[in-house]
């Protein structure tokens, strides 16, 4: 009798512990996004963009990418910017290809990046260009990263 009462009490305590401390879901690990992979996207102005299967698998997933900032809106309050892999040449005179530019929209919690010419790392949710999207702003770009956060150098 004492053993069954103990087992019942232990079982109830175990169930209460499970409910009292819900299992926290592990944060999604960001996949590195390489410019070499982005270069494989085929962009034509009057046709749907063709993405390789490896890129298609990253749609809607958290990615991490590094590059250089090109302002998209007011640099003092910048919540959106473009990211390119290098600072070679002039963005306006010798622009990168369409599949070499990322449109970045920062998380509401993030402060604007420093405009110091240093390489920046961002992590966020990747979206590939979709001509059917209702997001007119993102439709202008082959790659969009939403809910982006700035990652300190060396991380």
N, C-alpha and C. Protein backbone atom coordinates (compact mmCIF):
# COMPACT_ATOMS: atom_id res chain seq x y z
N UNK A 1 0.82 -1.19 0.00
CA UNK A 1 0.00 0.00 0.00
C UNK A 1 0.87 1.26 0.00
N UNK A 2 1.90 1.26 0.82
CA UNK A 2 2.77 2.42 0.88
C UNK A 2 3.49 2.63 -0.44
N UNK A 3 3.90 1.53 -1.12
CA UNK A 3 4.62 1.64 -2.39
C UNK A 3 3.71 2.24 -3.46
N UNK A 4 2.47 1.76 -3.57
CA UNK A 4 1.59 2.28 -4.61
C UNK A 4 1.24 3.73 -4.36
N UNK A 5 1.08 4.12 -3.09
CA UNK A 5 0.81 5.52 -2.78
C UNK A 5 2.02 6.38 -3.17
N UNK A 6 3.24 5.85 -2.91
CA UNK A 6 4.45 6.57 -3.28
C UNK A 6 4.55 6.71 -4.79
N UNK A 7 4.27 5.61 -5.53
CA UNK A 7 4.34 5.65 -6.99
C UNK A 7 3.33 6.63 -7.56
N UNK A 8 2.14 6.64 -7.01
CA UNK A 8 1.11 7.56 -7.49
C UNK A 8 1.55 9.00 -7.24
N UNK A 9 2.08 9.27 -6.06
CA UNK A 9 2.56 10.62 -5.74
C UNK A 9 3.71 11.01 -6.66
N UNK A 10 4.64 10.07 -6.92
CA UNK A 10 5.77 10.35 -7.80
C UNK A 10 5.30 10.60 -9.23
N UNK A 11 4.33 9.83 -9.69
CA UNK A 11 3.80 10.01 -11.04
C UNK A 11 3.13 11.37 -11.19
N UNK A 12 2.37 11.75 -10.18
CA UNK A 12 1.71 13.06 -10.22
C UNK A 12 2.75 14.17 -10.22
N UNK A 13 3.79 14.03 -9.40
CA UNK A 13 4.85 15.04 -9.35
C UNK A 13 5.56 15.15 -10.69
N UNK A 14 5.82 14.00 -11.32
CA UNK A 14 6.50 14.01 -12.63
C UNK A 14 5.65 14.73 -13.67
N UNK A 15 4.35 14.45 -13.68
CA UNK A 15 3.45 15.10 -14.64
C UNK A 15 3.41 16.60 -14.38
N UNK A 16 3.33 16.99 -13.11
CA UNK A 16 3.30 18.42 -12.78
C UNK A 16 4.59 19.11 -13.21
N UNK A 17 5.73 18.43 -13.04
CA UNK A 17 7.01 19.03 -13.47
C UNK A 17 7.04 19.22 -14.98
N UNK A 18 6.52 18.27 -15.70
CA UNK A 18 6.50 18.38 -17.16
C UNK A 18 5.66 19.57 -17.60
N UNK A 19 4.53 19.74 -16.93
CA UNK A 19 3.65 20.86 -17.31
C UNK A 19 4.16 22.19 -16.79
N UNK A 20 4.86 22.17 -15.68
CA UNK A 20 5.34 23.42 -15.09
C UNK A 20 6.50 24.01 -15.88
N UNK A 21 7.32 23.17 -16.52
CA UNK A 21 8.45 23.70 -17.28
C UNK A 21 8.36 23.19 -18.72
N UNK A 22 7.62 23.90 -19.56
CA UNK A 22 7.45 23.45 -20.93
C UNK A 22 8.80 23.37 -21.64
N UNK A 23 8.92 22.38 -22.49
CA UNK A 23 10.16 22.23 -23.25
C UNK A 23 10.32 23.42 -24.18
N UNK A 24 11.44 24.08 -24.08
CA UNK A 24 11.65 25.22 -24.96
C UNK A 24 12.21 24.70 -26.28
N UNK A 25 11.62 25.17 -27.35
CA UNK A 25 12.07 24.75 -28.68
C UNK A 25 13.45 25.34 -28.94
N UNK A 26 14.32 24.52 -29.44
CA UNK A 26 15.67 25.00 -29.76
C UNK A 26 15.57 26.02 -30.89
N UNK A 27 16.30 27.13 -30.79
CA UNK A 27 16.24 28.12 -31.87
C UNK A 27 16.78 27.51 -33.17
N UNK A 28 16.16 27.92 -34.26
CA UNK A 28 16.58 27.44 -35.57
C UNK A 28 18.00 27.94 -35.86
N UNK A 29 18.85 27.02 -36.24
CA UNK A 29 20.23 27.37 -36.56
C UNK A 29 20.25 27.96 -37.97
N UNK A 30 20.89 29.10 -38.10
CA UNK A 30 20.95 29.77 -39.40
C UNK A 30 21.93 29.06 -40.32
N UNK A 31 21.50 28.85 -41.57
CA UNK A 31 22.34 28.24 -42.59
C UNK A 31 23.15 29.33 -43.28
N UNK A 32 24.45 29.11 -43.46
CA UNK A 32 25.23 30.11 -44.21
C UNK A 32 24.72 30.23 -45.65
N UNK A 33 24.53 31.44 -46.11
CA UNK A 33 24.12 31.71 -47.49
C UNK A 33 25.35 32.22 -48.22
N UNK A 34 25.76 31.49 -49.24
CA UNK A 34 26.97 31.83 -50.00
C UNK A 34 26.60 32.57 -51.29
N UNK A 35 27.39 33.55 -51.64
CA UNK A 35 27.16 34.29 -52.88
C UNK A 35 27.35 33.39 -54.10
N UNK A 36 28.22 32.40 -53.99
CA UNK A 36 28.43 31.46 -55.10
C UNK A 36 27.12 30.72 -55.41
N UNK A 37 26.36 30.40 -54.38
CA UNK A 37 25.07 29.75 -54.58
C UNK A 37 24.06 30.74 -55.16
N UNK A 38 24.06 31.96 -54.66
CA UNK A 38 23.15 32.98 -55.16
C UNK A 38 23.39 33.25 -56.64
N UNK A 39 24.66 33.17 -57.07
CA UNK A 39 25.01 33.40 -58.48
C UNK A 39 24.37 32.39 -59.41
N UNK A 40 23.94 31.25 -58.88
CA UNK A 40 23.34 30.20 -59.70
C UNK A 40 21.86 30.49 -60.03
N UNK A 41 21.28 31.48 -59.35
CA UNK A 41 19.91 31.88 -59.68
C UNK A 41 19.93 32.58 -61.04
N UNK A 42 18.99 32.25 -61.88
CA UNK A 42 18.93 32.84 -63.22
C UNK A 42 17.80 33.86 -63.23
N UNK A 43 18.20 35.13 -63.35
CA UNK A 43 17.24 36.23 -63.36
C UNK A 43 17.11 36.80 -64.76
N UNK A 44 15.88 36.93 -65.21
CA UNK A 44 15.57 37.63 -66.46
C UNK A 44 14.40 38.55 -66.14
N UNK A 45 14.49 39.76 -66.62
CA UNK A 45 13.49 40.76 -66.26
C UNK A 45 12.06 40.35 -66.60
N UNK A 46 11.86 39.73 -67.74
CA UNK A 46 10.51 39.40 -68.19
C UNK A 46 10.13 37.94 -67.99
N UNK A 47 10.84 37.25 -67.11
CA UNK A 47 10.55 35.82 -66.89
C UNK A 47 10.71 35.52 -65.41
N UNK A 48 10.08 34.44 -64.94
CA UNK A 48 10.28 34.05 -63.54
C UNK A 48 11.75 33.71 -63.29
N UNK A 49 12.22 34.06 -62.11
CA UNK A 49 13.59 33.73 -61.72
C UNK A 49 13.66 32.21 -61.50
N UNK A 50 14.73 31.61 -61.99
CA UNK A 50 14.93 30.17 -61.83
C UNK A 50 15.96 29.97 -60.73
N UNK A 51 15.58 29.22 -59.69
CA UNK A 51 16.46 28.97 -58.55
C UNK A 51 16.87 27.51 -58.53
N UNK A 52 18.15 27.23 -58.22
CA UNK A 52 18.57 25.85 -58.08
C UNK A 52 17.91 25.23 -56.84
N UNK A 53 17.80 23.92 -56.83
CA UNK A 53 17.13 23.20 -55.73
C UNK A 53 17.74 23.55 -54.38
N UNK A 54 19.06 23.71 -54.33
CA UNK A 54 19.72 24.03 -53.06
C UNK A 54 19.23 25.36 -52.49
N UNK A 55 18.96 26.33 -53.35
CA UNK A 55 18.42 27.62 -52.90
C UNK A 55 16.94 27.47 -52.52
N UNK A 56 16.21 26.71 -53.29
CA UNK A 56 14.78 26.51 -53.00
C UNK A 56 14.57 25.93 -51.60
N UNK A 57 15.50 25.09 -51.16
CA UNK A 57 15.41 24.49 -49.83
C UNK A 57 15.55 25.53 -48.72
N UNK A 58 16.15 26.66 -49.03
CA UNK A 58 16.37 27.71 -48.03
C UNK A 58 15.21 28.70 -47.93
N UNK A 59 14.25 28.63 -48.84
CA UNK A 59 13.09 29.53 -48.80
C UNK A 59 12.40 29.42 -47.44
N UNK A 60 12.23 30.57 -46.79
CA UNK A 60 11.54 30.61 -45.50
C UNK A 60 12.39 30.15 -44.32
N UNK A 61 13.66 29.86 -44.55
CA UNK A 61 14.55 29.38 -43.49
C UNK A 61 15.45 30.52 -43.01
N UNK A 62 16.01 30.35 -41.81
CA UNK A 62 16.96 31.32 -41.28
C UNK A 62 18.31 31.12 -41.95
N UNK A 63 18.87 32.21 -42.44
CA UNK A 63 20.18 32.17 -43.08
C UNK A 63 21.07 33.23 -42.45
N UNK A 64 22.37 33.06 -42.67
CA UNK A 64 23.37 34.03 -42.22
C UNK A 64 24.24 34.37 -43.41
N UNK A 65 24.45 35.66 -43.63
CA UNK A 65 25.24 36.11 -44.78
C UNK A 65 26.02 37.36 -44.39
N UNK A 66 27.17 37.53 -45.02
CA UNK A 66 27.96 38.73 -44.76
C UNK A 66 28.09 39.53 -46.05
N UNK A 67 28.34 40.80 -45.89
CA UNK A 67 28.49 41.67 -47.05
C UNK A 67 28.61 43.11 -46.61
N UNK A 68 28.42 43.99 -47.58
CA UNK A 68 28.58 45.41 -47.35
C UNK A 68 27.24 46.12 -47.57
N UNK A 69 27.01 47.14 -46.77
CA UNK A 69 25.74 47.87 -46.76
C UNK A 69 25.70 48.90 -47.87
N UNK A 70 24.56 48.93 -48.56
CA UNK A 70 24.24 50.01 -49.50
C UNK A 70 22.90 50.56 -49.00
N UNK A 71 22.84 51.85 -48.64
CA UNK A 71 21.60 52.39 -48.07
C UNK A 71 20.41 52.24 -49.02
N UNK A 72 19.27 51.96 -48.43
CA UNK A 72 18.01 51.87 -49.18
C UNK A 72 17.07 52.98 -48.73
N UNK A 73 17.12 53.29 -47.45
CA UNK A 73 16.34 54.41 -46.94
C UNK A 73 17.25 55.28 -46.07
N UNK A 74 16.72 56.21 -45.35
CA UNK A 74 17.49 57.18 -44.56
C UNK A 74 18.53 56.48 -43.68
N UNK A 75 19.84 56.73 -43.92
CA UNK A 75 20.88 56.06 -43.14
C UNK A 75 20.78 56.27 -41.63
N UNK A 76 20.18 57.37 -41.19
CA UNK A 76 20.04 57.64 -39.75
C UNK A 76 18.99 56.74 -39.10
N UNK A 77 17.98 56.34 -39.85
CA UNK A 77 16.88 55.53 -39.32
C UNK A 77 16.74 54.23 -40.10
N UNK A 78 17.78 53.83 -40.77
CA UNK A 78 17.74 52.73 -41.73
C UNK A 78 17.18 51.43 -41.13
N UNK A 79 16.02 51.02 -41.61
CA UNK A 79 15.44 49.74 -41.21
C UNK A 79 15.51 48.76 -42.38
N UNK A 80 15.88 49.28 -43.54
CA UNK A 80 16.03 48.47 -44.76
C UNK A 80 17.31 48.91 -45.45
N UNK A 81 18.01 47.93 -46.02
CA UNK A 81 19.20 48.27 -46.79
C UNK A 81 19.49 47.15 -47.76
N UNK A 82 20.40 47.40 -48.67
CA UNK A 82 20.85 46.39 -49.61
C UNK A 82 22.19 45.88 -49.12
N UNK A 83 22.48 44.62 -49.41
CA UNK A 83 23.76 44.04 -49.05
C UNK A 83 24.38 43.45 -50.31
N UNK A 84 25.65 43.73 -50.51
CA UNK A 84 26.39 43.20 -51.65
C UNK A 84 27.67 42.53 -51.13
N UNK A 85 28.24 41.64 -51.96
CA UNK A 85 29.39 40.86 -51.48
C UNK A 85 30.69 41.64 -51.45
N UNK A 86 30.82 42.68 -52.26
CA UNK A 86 32.08 43.43 -52.24
C UNK A 86 31.81 44.90 -52.53
N UNK A 87 32.81 45.69 -52.27
CA UNK A 87 32.69 47.13 -52.51
C UNK A 87 33.43 47.55 -53.77
N UNK A 88 33.78 46.58 -54.60
CA UNK A 88 34.49 46.89 -55.85
C UNK A 88 33.60 47.72 -56.78
N UNK A 89 34.13 48.80 -57.28
CA UNK A 89 33.39 49.61 -58.25
C UNK A 89 32.31 50.45 -57.59
N UNK A 90 31.58 51.10 -58.40
CA UNK A 90 30.49 51.98 -57.98
C UNK A 90 29.17 51.25 -58.13
N UNK A 91 28.33 51.31 -57.11
CA UNK A 91 27.05 50.61 -57.15
C UNK A 91 26.18 51.11 -58.31
N UNK A 92 26.35 52.37 -58.69
CA UNK A 92 25.52 52.95 -59.74
C UNK A 92 26.15 52.84 -61.13
N UNK A 93 27.48 52.95 -61.21
CA UNK A 93 28.15 52.90 -62.52
C UNK A 93 28.51 51.48 -62.94
N UNK A 94 28.85 50.66 -61.99
CA UNK A 94 29.26 49.28 -62.25
C UNK A 94 28.50 48.38 -61.26
N UNK A 95 27.18 48.31 -61.40
CA UNK A 95 26.37 47.63 -60.39
C UNK A 95 26.56 46.11 -60.38
N UNK A 96 26.31 45.50 -59.22
CA UNK A 96 26.34 44.04 -59.15
C UNK A 96 25.16 43.47 -59.92
N UNK A 97 25.24 42.19 -60.25
CA UNK A 97 24.11 41.53 -60.91
C UNK A 97 22.92 41.43 -59.98
N UNK A 98 21.75 41.25 -60.56
CA UNK A 98 20.52 41.15 -59.77
C UNK A 98 20.60 40.04 -58.72
N UNK A 99 21.31 38.96 -59.06
CA UNK A 99 21.39 37.83 -58.13
C UNK A 99 22.58 37.96 -57.16
N UNK A 100 23.17 39.16 -57.09
CA UNK A 100 24.26 39.43 -56.15
C UNK A 100 23.87 40.46 -55.10
N UNK A 101 22.59 40.82 -55.05
CA UNK A 101 22.09 41.83 -54.13
C UNK A 101 21.04 41.22 -53.23
N UNK A 102 21.15 41.50 -51.94
CA UNK A 102 20.13 41.07 -50.97
C UNK A 102 19.40 42.31 -50.45
N UNK A 103 18.09 42.22 -50.36
CA UNK A 103 17.28 43.27 -49.76
C UNK A 103 17.06 42.85 -48.31
N UNK A 104 17.55 43.66 -47.38
CA UNK A 104 17.50 43.32 -45.95
C UNK A 104 16.48 44.21 -45.24
N UNK A 105 15.57 43.58 -44.49
CA UNK A 105 14.63 44.33 -43.65
C UNK A 105 14.91 43.90 -42.21
N UNK A 106 15.35 44.86 -41.41
CA UNK A 106 15.73 44.57 -40.04
C UNK A 106 14.53 44.27 -39.16
N UNK A 107 14.77 43.48 -38.13
CA UNK A 107 13.80 43.25 -37.07
C UNK A 107 13.51 44.60 -36.42
N UNK A 108 12.32 44.78 -35.91
CA UNK A 108 11.95 46.05 -35.26
C UNK A 108 12.85 46.36 -34.07
N UNK A 109 13.48 45.34 -33.48
CA UNK A 109 14.34 45.52 -32.32
C UNK A 109 15.74 46.01 -32.68
N UNK A 110 16.12 45.91 -33.94
CA UNK A 110 17.49 46.22 -34.36
C UNK A 110 17.69 47.71 -34.62
N UNK A 111 18.88 48.16 -34.27
CA UNK A 111 19.29 49.54 -34.58
C UNK A 111 19.90 49.54 -35.98
N UNK A 112 19.88 50.68 -36.66
CA UNK A 112 20.50 50.75 -38.00
C UNK A 112 21.98 50.36 -37.94
N UNK A 113 22.47 49.72 -39.01
CA UNK A 113 23.89 49.36 -39.02
C UNK A 113 24.76 50.60 -39.15
N UNK A 114 25.97 50.48 -38.67
CA UNK A 114 26.94 51.57 -38.82
C UNK A 114 27.34 51.68 -40.29
N UNK A 115 27.45 52.87 -40.77
CA UNK A 115 27.88 53.11 -42.15
C UNK A 115 29.38 53.38 -42.12
N UNK A 116 30.16 52.36 -41.74
CA UNK A 116 31.60 52.53 -41.57
C UNK A 116 32.42 51.83 -42.65
N UNK A 117 31.76 51.25 -43.63
CA UNK A 117 32.47 50.58 -44.71
C UNK A 117 32.98 49.20 -44.35
N UNK A 118 32.70 48.75 -43.13
CA UNK A 118 33.14 47.43 -42.70
C UNK A 118 32.13 46.36 -43.12
N UNK A 119 32.62 45.14 -43.27
CA UNK A 119 31.75 44.01 -43.61
C UNK A 119 30.79 43.77 -42.45
N UNK A 120 29.58 43.41 -42.80
CA UNK A 120 28.51 43.22 -41.82
C UNK A 120 27.97 41.80 -41.97
N UNK A 121 27.53 41.22 -40.88
CA UNK A 121 26.90 39.90 -40.92
C UNK A 121 25.46 40.06 -40.44
N UNK A 122 24.52 39.51 -41.20
CA UNK A 122 23.11 39.53 -40.80
C UNK A 122 22.57 38.11 -40.80
N UNK A 123 21.55 37.93 -39.99
CA UNK A 123 20.86 36.65 -39.91
C UNK A 123 19.37 36.95 -39.95
N UNK A 124 18.64 36.22 -40.78
CA UNK A 124 17.20 36.43 -40.88
C UNK A 124 16.56 35.40 -41.78
N UNK A 125 15.30 35.60 -42.10
CA UNK A 125 14.52 34.66 -42.89
C UNK A 125 14.63 35.00 -44.37
N UNK A 126 15.09 34.03 -45.15
CA UNK A 126 15.29 34.23 -46.58
C UNK A 126 13.99 34.02 -47.35
N UNK A 127 13.74 34.92 -48.30
CA UNK A 127 12.63 34.77 -49.24
C UNK A 127 13.17 34.97 -50.64
N UNK A 128 12.80 34.07 -51.52
CA UNK A 128 13.23 34.14 -52.91
C UNK A 128 12.18 34.89 -53.71
N UNK A 129 12.61 35.57 -54.75
CA UNK A 129 11.70 36.37 -55.58
C UNK A 129 10.56 35.51 -56.10
N UNK A 130 9.37 36.05 -55.94
CA UNK A 130 8.17 35.37 -56.39
C UNK A 130 7.31 36.41 -57.10
N UNK A 131 7.15 36.27 -58.39
CA UNK A 131 6.40 37.25 -59.19
C UNK A 131 4.94 37.35 -58.74
N UNK A 132 4.44 36.33 -58.06
CA UNK A 132 3.04 36.32 -57.61
C UNK A 132 2.86 36.97 -56.24
N UNK A 133 3.94 37.34 -55.58
CA UNK A 133 3.87 37.90 -54.24
C UNK A 133 3.11 39.22 -54.23
N UNK A 134 2.43 39.48 -53.13
CA UNK A 134 1.74 40.75 -52.94
C UNK A 134 2.68 41.80 -52.33
N UNK A 135 3.88 41.37 -51.97
CA UNK A 135 4.89 42.25 -51.38
C UNK A 135 5.62 42.97 -52.52
N UNK A 136 5.09 44.12 -52.92
CA UNK A 136 5.63 44.86 -54.07
C UNK A 136 7.09 45.26 -53.87
N UNK A 137 7.45 45.59 -52.65
CA UNK A 137 8.82 46.00 -52.38
C UNK A 137 9.78 44.83 -52.60
N UNK A 138 9.46 43.68 -52.05
CA UNK A 138 10.34 42.51 -52.16
C UNK A 138 10.38 41.96 -53.59
N UNK A 139 9.33 42.16 -54.35
CA UNK A 139 9.30 41.65 -55.73
C UNK A 139 10.38 42.30 -56.61
N UNK A 140 10.92 43.41 -56.16
CA UNK A 140 11.96 44.09 -56.92
C UNK A 140 13.31 43.40 -56.80
N UNK A 141 13.45 42.47 -55.86
CA UNK A 141 14.74 41.86 -55.55
C UNK A 141 14.66 40.34 -55.68
N UNK A 142 15.77 39.74 -56.08
CA UNK A 142 15.83 38.28 -56.20
C UNK A 142 15.84 37.65 -54.81
N UNK A 143 16.52 38.30 -53.85
CA UNK A 143 16.64 37.77 -52.49
C UNK A 143 16.23 38.82 -51.47
N UNK A 144 15.39 38.43 -50.52
CA UNK A 144 14.99 39.30 -49.42
C UNK A 144 15.27 38.55 -48.12
N UNK A 145 15.80 39.26 -47.15
CA UNK A 145 15.96 38.68 -45.81
C UNK A 145 15.13 39.54 -44.87
N UNK A 146 14.14 38.91 -44.25
CA UNK A 146 13.24 39.59 -43.33
C UNK A 146 13.61 39.27 -41.88
N UNK A 147 13.12 40.14 -40.98
CA UNK A 147 13.33 39.97 -39.55
C UNK A 147 14.81 39.76 -39.25
N UNK A 148 15.64 40.55 -39.93
CA UNK A 148 17.10 40.39 -39.83
C UNK A 148 17.63 40.99 -38.55
N UNK A 149 18.66 40.34 -38.04
CA UNK A 149 19.38 40.91 -36.90
C UNK A 149 20.85 40.99 -37.29
N UNK A 150 21.53 41.97 -36.71
CA UNK A 150 22.94 42.18 -36.96
C UNK A 150 23.73 41.27 -36.04
N UNK A 151 24.72 40.59 -36.59
CA UNK A 151 25.54 39.68 -35.81
C UNK A 151 26.90 40.34 -35.57
N UNK A 152 27.34 40.41 -34.32
CA UNK A 152 28.66 41.02 -34.06
C UNK A 152 29.77 40.29 -34.80
N UNK A 153 30.78 41.01 -35.20
CA UNK A 153 31.92 40.42 -35.93
C UNK A 153 32.54 39.33 -35.08
N UNK A 154 32.94 38.25 -35.73
CA UNK A 154 33.58 37.14 -35.04
C UNK A 154 32.63 36.09 -34.51
N UNK A 155 31.34 36.26 -34.70
CA UNK A 155 30.37 35.26 -34.20
C UNK A 155 29.89 34.38 -35.33
